Amino acid sequence: MPFSGPSLESLSVPERQFATFPSGSINLGAITRRQLQDLARGVNELAKIGVAHGDINERNVLLKPCCDLAATYTAEGYLEKSRLVLVDFGEVAPDYQGDVYALGELFGWCAEGCAWGGEDHVKVREAARILKEDRDFERALAALEWEV
């Protein structure tokens, strides 16, 4: 399989970090709230058609650089330099609690490891809580929205 980008797990390893901040948080390749929102939308769409990943975690999410200029703009028109891509569909991991819960765990992991400030951190933590406790994609996506 051709290299599609580093996993989030590999970006959290000290020698692969782009920057370490005094709080001990890690800049995981400048992962954005918008990228996490897009990942959640994708997992939600898969769930709607009955497709489960079975092992969503930081090893199975890649930070894939965008090469096509047309593909670097989100539906809202914001420029993104990379995307989060879910890989390794297959068998269900032991004691797996489902894709919604696992996505909440991943969001919590990102919130702990990313150097976001203020609103981004609060919104990702809230989305993680909603996914894990309520298992509600729509409310989690709404929690990640931007104020207009």
N, C-alpha and C. Protein backbone atom coordinates (compact mmCIF):
# COMPACT_ATOMS: atom_id res chain seq x y z
N MET A 1 0.84 -1.16 0.00
CA MET A 1 0.00 0.00 0.00
C MET A 1 0.89 1.24 0.00
N PRO A 2 0.63 2.22 -0.86
CA PRO A 2 1.47 3.41 -0.88
C PRO A 2 1.28 4.24 0.39
N PHE A 3 2.32 4.96 0.76
CA PHE A 3 2.28 5.79 1.96
C PHE A 3 1.24 6.90 1.77
N SER A 4 0.31 6.99 2.71
CA SER A 4 -0.76 7.98 2.61
C SER A 4 -0.65 9.07 3.66
N GLY A 5 0.38 9.03 4.46
CA GLY A 5 0.58 10.02 5.51
C GLY A 5 0.82 9.33 6.84
N PRO A 6 1.33 10.08 7.82
CA PRO A 6 1.61 9.48 9.12
C PRO A 6 0.33 9.28 9.92
N SER A 7 0.34 8.27 10.79
CA SER A 7 -0.80 8.07 11.69
C SER A 7 -0.73 9.13 12.79
N LEU A 8 -1.87 9.38 13.42
CA LEU A 8 -1.88 10.32 14.54
C LEU A 8 -0.98 9.80 15.65
N GLU A 9 -0.96 8.49 15.85
CA GLU A 9 -0.09 7.92 16.87
C GLU A 9 1.37 8.24 16.60
N SER A 10 1.80 8.09 15.35
CA SER A 10 3.22 8.35 15.05
C SER A 10 3.56 9.83 15.21
N LEU A 11 2.58 10.70 14.99
CA LEU A 11 2.83 12.13 15.18
C LEU A 11 2.98 12.51 16.64
N SER A 12 2.49 11.66 17.54
CA SER A 12 2.58 11.97 18.96
C SER A 12 3.88 11.50 19.59
N VAL A 13 4.68 10.75 18.84
CA VAL A 13 5.97 10.27 19.34
C VAL A 13 6.94 11.45 19.37
N PRO A 14 7.66 11.66 20.49
CA PRO A 14 8.50 12.85 20.64
C PRO A 14 9.42 13.17 19.46
N GLU A 15 10.06 12.18 18.88
CA GLU A 15 10.98 12.49 17.77
C GLU A 15 10.25 12.88 16.50
N ARG A 16 8.92 12.66 16.42
CA ARG A 16 8.14 13.04 15.24
C ARG A 16 7.34 14.32 15.45
N GLN A 17 7.42 14.89 16.65
CA GLN A 17 6.64 16.08 16.97
C GLN A 17 7.12 17.27 16.16
N PHE A 18 6.19 18.10 15.80
CA PHE A 18 6.53 19.35 15.13
C PHE A 18 6.92 20.39 16.17
N ALA A 19 6.31 20.35 17.32
CA ALA A 19 6.62 21.29 18.39
C ALA A 19 6.09 20.75 19.71
N THR A 20 6.82 21.02 20.78
CA THR A 20 6.33 20.67 22.11
C THR A 20 6.10 21.97 22.85
N PHE A 21 5.03 22.05 23.57
CA PHE A 21 4.64 23.27 24.25
C PHE A 21 4.84 23.11 25.74
N PRO A 22 5.02 24.22 26.48
CA PRO A 22 5.30 24.15 27.91
C PRO A 22 4.29 23.34 28.71
N SER A 23 3.04 23.33 28.30
CA SER A 23 2.02 22.59 29.04
C SER A 23 2.20 21.09 28.91
N GLY A 24 3.09 20.66 28.04
CA GLY A 24 3.29 19.23 27.80
C GLY A 24 2.43 18.72 26.67
N SER A 25 1.60 19.59 26.09
CA SER A 25 0.78 19.16 24.96
C SER A 25 1.65 19.07 23.72
N ILE A 26 1.13 18.38 22.74
CA ILE A 26 1.87 18.15 21.51
C ILE A 26 1.09 18.71 20.35
N ASN A 27 1.78 19.34 19.42
CA ASN A 27 1.13 19.78 18.20
C ASN A 27 1.15 18.61 17.24
N LEU A 28 0.04 17.93 17.12
CA LEU A 28 -0.04 16.74 16.28
C LEU A 28 -0.21 17.12 14.81
N GLY A 29 0.77 17.83 14.28
CA GLY A 29 0.71 18.20 12.87
C GLY A 29 -0.37 19.21 12.57
N ALA A 30 -0.68 20.04 13.54
CA ALA A 30 -1.68 21.09 13.36
C ALA A 30 -3.04 20.53 12.96
N ILE A 31 -3.45 19.47 13.63
CA ILE A 31 -4.78 18.91 13.40
C ILE A 31 -5.80 19.96 13.82
N THR A 32 -6.81 20.12 13.00
CA THR A 32 -7.79 21.17 13.28
C THR A 32 -9.13 20.58 13.70
N ARG A 33 -9.92 21.41 14.34
CA ARG A 33 -11.27 21.03 14.71
C ARG A 33 -12.08 20.69 13.46
N ARG A 34 -11.85 21.43 12.39
CA ARG A 34 -12.56 21.18 11.12
C ARG A 34 -12.22 19.79 10.58
N GLN A 35 -10.96 19.37 10.69
CA GLN A 35 -10.58 18.03 10.23
C GLN A 35 -11.27 16.96 11.07
N LEU A 36 -11.35 17.17 12.38
CA LEU A 36 -12.05 16.21 13.23
C LEU A 36 -13.53 16.18 12.90
N GLN A 37 -14.10 17.33 12.61
CA GLN A 37 -15.51 17.39 12.23
C GLN A 37 -15.75 16.61 10.95
N ASP A 38 -14.88 16.77 9.97
CA ASP A 38 -15.01 16.02 8.71
C ASP A 38 -14.88 14.52 8.94
N LEU A 39 -13.96 14.11 9.81
CA LEU A 39 -13.81 12.70 10.14
C LEU A 39 -15.10 12.16 10.78
N ALA A 40 -15.68 12.92 11.70
CA ALA A 40 -16.92 12.50 12.34
C ALA A 40 -18.06 12.41 11.32
N ARG A 41 -18.12 13.35 10.40
CA ARG A 41 -19.14 13.27 9.34
C ARG A 41 -19.01 11.98 8.54
N GLY A 42 -17.76 11.64 8.21
CA GLY A 42 -17.52 10.42 7.44
C GLY A 42 -17.93 9.17 8.19
N VAL A 43 -17.57 9.08 9.46
CA VAL A 43 -17.93 7.91 10.26
C VAL A 43 -19.45 7.86 10.41
N ASN A 44 -20.10 9.01 10.57
CA ASN A 44 -21.56 9.06 10.66
C ASN A 44 -22.20 8.56 9.37
N GLU A 45 -21.69 8.99 8.23
CA GLU A 45 -22.24 8.54 6.94
C GLU A 45 -22.07 7.03 6.77
N LEU A 46 -20.93 6.51 7.18
CA LEU A 46 -20.72 5.06 7.11
C LEU A 46 -21.72 4.32 7.99
N ALA A 47 -21.95 4.85 9.19
CA ALA A 47 -22.91 4.22 10.11
C ALA A 47 -24.31 4.21 9.51
N LYS A 48 -24.68 5.27 8.82
CA LYS A 48 -26.01 5.36 8.22
C LYS A 48 -26.25 4.27 7.18
N ILE A 49 -25.20 3.82 6.53
CA ILE A 49 -25.36 2.76 5.52
C ILE A 49 -24.97 1.39 6.07
N GLY A 50 -24.75 1.33 7.38
CA GLY A 50 -24.49 0.05 8.02
C GLY A 50 -23.05 -0.43 8.00
N VAL A 51 -22.11 0.48 7.75
CA VAL A 51 -20.70 0.10 7.72
C VAL A 51 -20.04 0.53 9.02
N ALA A 52 -19.45 -0.43 9.73
CA ALA A 52 -18.71 -0.15 10.96
C ALA A 52 -17.23 -0.38 10.69
N HIS A 53 -16.39 0.49 11.24
CA HIS A 53 -14.94 0.35 11.10
C HIS A 53 -14.43 -0.78 11.98
N GLY A 54 -14.77 -0.73 13.25
CA GLY A 54 -14.39 -1.80 14.16
C GLY A 54 -13.13 -1.58 14.96
N ASP A 55 -12.38 -0.51 14.67
CA ASP A 55 -11.14 -0.26 15.42
C ASP A 55 -10.66 1.17 15.20
N ILE A 56 -11.50 2.15 15.48
CA ILE A 56 -11.10 3.56 15.33
C ILE A 56 -10.19 3.92 16.50
N ASN A 57 -8.99 4.37 16.18
CA ASN A 57 -8.02 4.83 17.17
C ASN A 57 -6.94 5.63 16.46
N GLU A 58 -5.99 6.15 17.23
CA GLU A 58 -4.94 7.01 16.66
C GLU A 58 -4.01 6.28 15.70
N ARG A 59 -3.96 4.95 15.74
CA ARG A 59 -3.14 4.20 14.78
C ARG A 59 -3.81 4.09 13.42
N ASN A 60 -5.15 4.17 13.42
CA ASN A 60 -5.91 3.95 12.19
C ASN A 60 -6.46 5.23 11.57
N VAL A 61 -5.92 6.36 11.99
CA VAL A 61 -6.28 7.64 11.38
C VAL A 61 -4.99 8.28 10.89
N LEU A 62 -4.95 8.57 9.59
CA LEU A 62 -3.76 9.16 8.98
C LEU A 62 -3.99 10.64 8.70
N LEU A 63 -2.92 11.41 8.78
CA LEU A 63 -2.93 12.81 8.37
C LEU A 63 -2.38 12.84 6.95
N LYS A 64 -3.30 12.90 5.99
CA LYS A 64 -2.94 12.80 4.59
C LYS A 64 -2.83 14.19 3.96
N PRO A 65 -1.66 14.53 3.42
CA PRO A 65 -1.52 15.82 2.75
C PRO A 65 -2.37 15.87 1.49
N CYS A 66 -2.97 17.02 1.23
CA CYS A 66 -3.75 17.20 0.00
C CYS A 66 -2.80 17.65 -1.11
N CYS A 67 -2.93 17.04 -2.24
CA CYS A 67 -2.08 17.39 -3.39
C CYS A 67 -2.88 18.15 -4.43
N ASP A 68 -4.14 17.86 -4.55
CA ASP A 68 -5.00 18.47 -5.56
C ASP A 68 -5.56 19.78 -5.01
N LEU A 69 -5.24 20.90 -5.65
CA LEU A 69 -5.70 22.20 -5.15
C LEU A 69 -7.22 22.25 -5.03
N ALA A 70 -7.92 21.62 -5.93
CA ALA A 70 -9.38 21.63 -5.86
C ALA A 70 -9.87 20.88 -4.63
N ALA A 71 -9.10 19.91 -4.17
CA ALA A 71 -9.52 19.09 -3.04
C ALA A 71 -9.14 19.71 -1.70
N THR A 72 -8.43 20.83 -1.70
CA THR A 72 -7.99 21.40 -0.44
C THR A 72 -9.02 22.32 0.20
N TYR A 73 -10.14 22.56 -0.47
CA TYR A 73 -11.17 23.41 0.10
C TYR A 73 -12.30 22.56 0.66
N THR A 74 -12.71 22.87 1.88
CA THR A 74 -13.81 22.15 2.50
C THR A 74 -15.12 22.63 1.89
N ALA A 75 -16.20 21.96 2.25
CA ALA A 75 -17.51 22.35 1.74
C ALA A 75 -17.85 23.79 2.11
N GLU A 76 -17.31 24.26 3.24
CA GLU A 76 -17.57 25.63 3.67
C GLU A 76 -16.64 26.63 2.99
N GLY A 77 -15.70 26.15 2.18
CA GLY A 77 -14.79 27.02 1.46
C GLY A 77 -13.50 27.34 2.19
N TYR A 78 -13.20 26.61 3.28
CA TYR A 78 -11.97 26.86 4.01
C TYR A 78 -10.84 26.00 3.46
N LEU A 79 -9.68 26.59 3.33
CA LEU A 79 -8.51 25.88 2.83
C LEU A 79 -7.97 24.93 3.90
N GLU A 80 -7.76 23.69 3.55
CA GLU A 80 -7.13 22.71 4.43
C GLU A 80 -5.91 22.16 3.71
N LYS A 81 -4.81 22.06 4.41
CA LYS A 81 -3.59 21.54 3.79
C LYS A 81 -3.49 20.03 3.92
N SER A 82 -4.32 19.43 4.74
CA SER A 82 -4.31 17.97 4.89
C SER A 82 -5.67 17.51 5.38
N ARG A 83 -5.87 16.20 5.33
CA ARG A 83 -7.13 15.59 5.76
C ARG A 83 -6.84 14.43 6.68
N LEU A 84 -7.80 14.13 7.52
CA LEU A 84 -7.72 12.92 8.34
C LEU A 84 -8.42 11.81 7.59
N VAL A 85 -7.73 10.67 7.45
CA VAL A 85 -8.24 9.55 6.67
C VAL A 85 -8.29 8.32 7.57
N LEU A 86 -9.42 7.66 7.58
CA LEU A 86 -9.61 6.45 8.37
C LEU A 86 -9.17 5.25 7.53
N VAL A 87 -8.27 4.42 8.09
CA VAL A 87 -7.75 3.25 7.37
C VAL A 87 -7.93 1.99 8.21
N ASP A 88 -7.61 0.87 7.62
CA ASP A 88 -7.58 -0.44 8.27
C ASP A 88 -8.96 -0.92 8.69
N PHE A 89 -9.89 -0.88 7.75
CA PHE A 89 -11.20 -1.48 8.00
C PHE A 89 -11.01 -2.98 8.06
N GLY A 90 -11.74 -3.63 8.88
CA GLY A 90 -11.61 -5.08 8.94
C GLY A 90 -12.25 -5.64 10.18
N GLU A 91 -11.48 -6.42 10.90
CA GLU A 91 -12.02 -7.10 12.07
C GLU A 91 -12.27 -6.12 13.21
N VAL A 92 -13.23 -6.49 14.04
CA VAL A 92 -13.57 -5.68 15.22
C VAL A 92 -12.58 -6.00 16.33
N ALA A 93 -12.04 -4.93 16.95
CA ALA A 93 -11.07 -5.10 18.03
C ALA A 93 -11.75 -5.72 19.26
N PRO A 94 -11.00 -6.47 20.07
CA PRO A 94 -11.58 -7.04 21.29
C PRO A 94 -12.09 -5.93 22.21
N ASP A 95 -13.23 -6.17 22.86
CA ASP A 95 -13.85 -5.22 23.79
C ASP A 95 -14.18 -3.88 23.15
N TYR A 96 -14.35 -3.87 21.85
CA TYR A 96 -14.67 -2.64 21.12
C TYR A 96 -16.09 -2.21 21.47
N GLN A 97 -16.28 -0.94 21.79
CA GLN A 97 -17.57 -0.44 22.22
C GLN A 97 -18.35 0.27 21.10
N GLY A 98 -17.87 0.15 19.90
CA GLY A 98 -18.56 0.75 18.77
C GLY A 98 -17.84 1.97 18.23
N ASP A 99 -18.14 2.29 16.97
CA ASP A 99 -17.46 3.41 16.31
C ASP A 99 -17.75 4.76 16.95
N VAL A 100 -18.96 4.97 17.42
CA VAL A 100 -19.30 6.27 18.02
C VAL A 100 -18.48 6.49 19.27
N TYR A 101 -18.46 5.49 20.15
CA TYR A 101 -17.68 5.59 21.39
C TYR A 101 -16.19 5.75 21.07
N ALA A 102 -15.69 4.94 20.15
CA ALA A 102 -14.26 4.99 19.79
C ALA A 102 -13.88 6.34 19.21
N LEU A 103 -14.76 6.95 18.43
CA LEU A 103 -14.48 8.28 17.90
C LEU A 103 -14.40 9.29 19.04
N GLY A 104 -15.27 9.13 20.04
CA GLY A 104 -15.20 9.99 21.23
C GLY A 104 -13.88 9.83 21.96
N GLU A 105 -13.42 8.59 22.08
CA GLU A 105 -12.11 8.34 22.69
C GLU A 105 -10.99 9.02 21.90
N LEU A 106 -11.05 8.91 20.57
CA LEU A 106 -10.05 9.54 19.72
C LEU A 106 -10.08 11.06 19.88
N PHE A 107 -11.27 11.65 19.91
CA PHE A 107 -11.37 13.09 20.10
C PHE A 107 -10.78 13.51 21.44
N GLY A 108 -11.05 12.73 22.49
CA GLY A 108 -10.47 13.03 23.80
C GLY A 108 -8.96 12.94 23.77
N TRP A 109 -8.44 11.93 23.08
CA TRP A 109 -7.00 11.76 22.93
C TRP A 109 -6.40 12.97 22.21
N CYS A 110 -7.06 13.41 21.14
CA CYS A 110 -6.58 14.58 20.41
C CYS A 110 -6.63 15.83 21.28
N ALA A 111 -7.71 16.00 22.05
CA ALA A 111 -7.84 17.18 22.91
C ALA A 111 -6.72 17.21 23.95
N GLU A 112 -6.31 16.05 24.43
CA GLU A 112 -5.22 16.00 25.40
C GLU A 112 -3.87 16.26 24.75
N GLY A 113 -3.70 15.83 23.50
CA GLY A 113 -2.39 15.90 22.86
C GLY A 113 -2.16 17.10 21.98
N CYS A 114 -3.21 17.80 21.60
CA CYS A 114 -3.05 18.94 20.70
C CYS A 114 -2.89 20.23 21.50
N ALA A 115 -2.24 21.17 20.90
CA ALA A 115 -1.95 22.45 21.56
C ALA A 115 -2.99 23.50 21.23
N TRP A 116 -4.24 23.09 21.15
CA TRP A 116 -5.29 24.06 20.88
C TRP A 116 -5.49 24.93 22.10
N GLY A 117 -6.06 26.07 21.84
CA GLY A 117 -6.43 26.94 22.94
C GLY A 117 -7.91 27.21 22.89
N GLY A 118 -8.42 27.70 23.96
CA GLY A 118 -9.77 28.22 24.07
C GLY A 118 -10.87 27.40 23.46
N GLU A 119 -11.57 27.99 22.51
CA GLU A 119 -12.78 27.43 21.94
C GLU A 119 -12.56 26.06 21.29
N ASP A 120 -11.48 25.87 20.55
CA ASP A 120 -11.23 24.58 19.91
C ASP A 120 -11.16 23.47 20.94
N HIS A 121 -10.38 23.69 21.99
CA HIS A 121 -10.22 22.66 23.02
C HIS A 121 -11.56 22.34 23.68
N VAL A 122 -12.31 23.36 24.04
CA VAL A 122 -13.60 23.17 24.71
C VAL A 122 -14.57 22.41 23.81
N LYS A 123 -14.63 22.79 22.54
CA LYS A 123 -15.58 22.16 21.62
C LYS A 123 -15.22 20.70 21.32
N VAL A 124 -13.95 20.41 21.16
CA VAL A 124 -13.54 19.02 20.90
C VAL A 124 -13.79 18.16 22.14
N ARG A 125 -13.49 18.68 23.33
CA ARG A 125 -13.77 17.93 24.56
C ARG A 125 -15.27 17.66 24.71
N GLU A 126 -16.10 18.65 24.39
CA GLU A 126 -17.55 18.47 24.49
C GLU A 126 -18.04 17.43 23.47
N ALA A 127 -17.53 17.50 22.25
CA ALA A 127 -17.91 16.51 21.23
C ALA A 127 -17.49 15.11 21.68
N ALA A 128 -16.30 14.99 22.27
CA ALA A 128 -15.83 13.69 22.77
C ALA A 128 -16.77 13.17 23.85
N ARG A 129 -17.19 14.02 24.76
CA ARG A 129 -18.10 13.62 25.82
C ARG A 129 -19.44 13.15 25.26
N ILE A 130 -19.98 13.90 24.31
CA ILE A 130 -21.26 13.55 23.70
C ILE A 130 -21.17 12.19 23.00
N LEU A 131 -20.09 11.98 22.26
CA LEU A 131 -19.93 10.71 21.55
C LEU A 131 -19.82 9.54 22.52
N LYS A 132 -19.05 9.70 23.58
CA LYS A 132 -18.84 8.60 24.52
C LYS A 132 -20.05 8.36 25.41
N GLU A 133 -20.65 9.41 25.93
CA GLU A 133 -21.74 9.24 26.88
C GLU A 133 -23.10 9.08 26.21
N ASP A 134 -23.38 9.91 25.22
CA ASP A 134 -24.70 9.91 24.60
C ASP A 134 -24.74 9.14 23.28
N ARG A 135 -23.56 8.92 22.70
CA ARG A 135 -23.43 8.22 21.41
C ARG A 135 -24.31 8.86 20.33
N ASP A 136 -24.20 10.18 20.26
CA ASP A 136 -25.04 10.97 19.37
C ASP A 136 -24.18 11.77 18.39
N PHE A 137 -24.10 11.29 17.14
CA PHE A 137 -23.30 11.97 16.13
C PHE A 137 -23.78 13.39 15.87
N GLU A 138 -25.07 13.57 15.71
CA GLU A 138 -25.61 14.87 15.33
C GLU A 138 -25.29 15.94 16.37
N ARG A 139 -25.46 15.62 17.64
CA ARG A 139 -25.14 16.59 18.69
C ARG A 139 -23.63 16.84 18.78
N ALA A 140 -22.84 15.80 18.56
CA ALA A 140 -21.38 15.98 18.58
C ALA A 140 -20.94 16.87 17.43
N LEU A 141 -21.51 16.67 16.24
CA LEU A 141 -21.18 17.53 15.11
C LEU A 141 -21.61 18.96 15.38
N ALA A 142 -22.77 19.14 15.99
CA ALA A 142 -23.25 20.48 16.32
C ALA A 142 -22.31 21.14 17.33
N ALA A 143 -21.75 20.37 18.26
CA ALA A 143 -20.83 20.92 19.25
C ALA A 143 -19.55 21.43 18.61
N LEU A 144 -19.19 20.88 17.46
CA LEU A 144 -17.96 21.29 16.77
C LEU A 144 -18.17 22.48 15.84
N GLU A 145 -19.40 22.92 15.65
CA GLU A 145 -19.71 24.01 14.72
C GLU A 145 -19.08 25.32 15.17
N TRP A 146 -18.97 26.23 14.22
CA TRP A 146 -18.43 27.57 14.45
C TRP A 146 -19.58 28.52 14.72
N GLU A 147 -19.32 29.48 15.58
CA GLU A 147 -20.30 30.52 15.82
C GLU A 147 -20.29 31.48 14.64
N VAL A 148 -21.47 31.87 14.18
CA VAL A 148 -21.55 32.78 13.04
C VAL A 148 -21.82 34.18 13.51
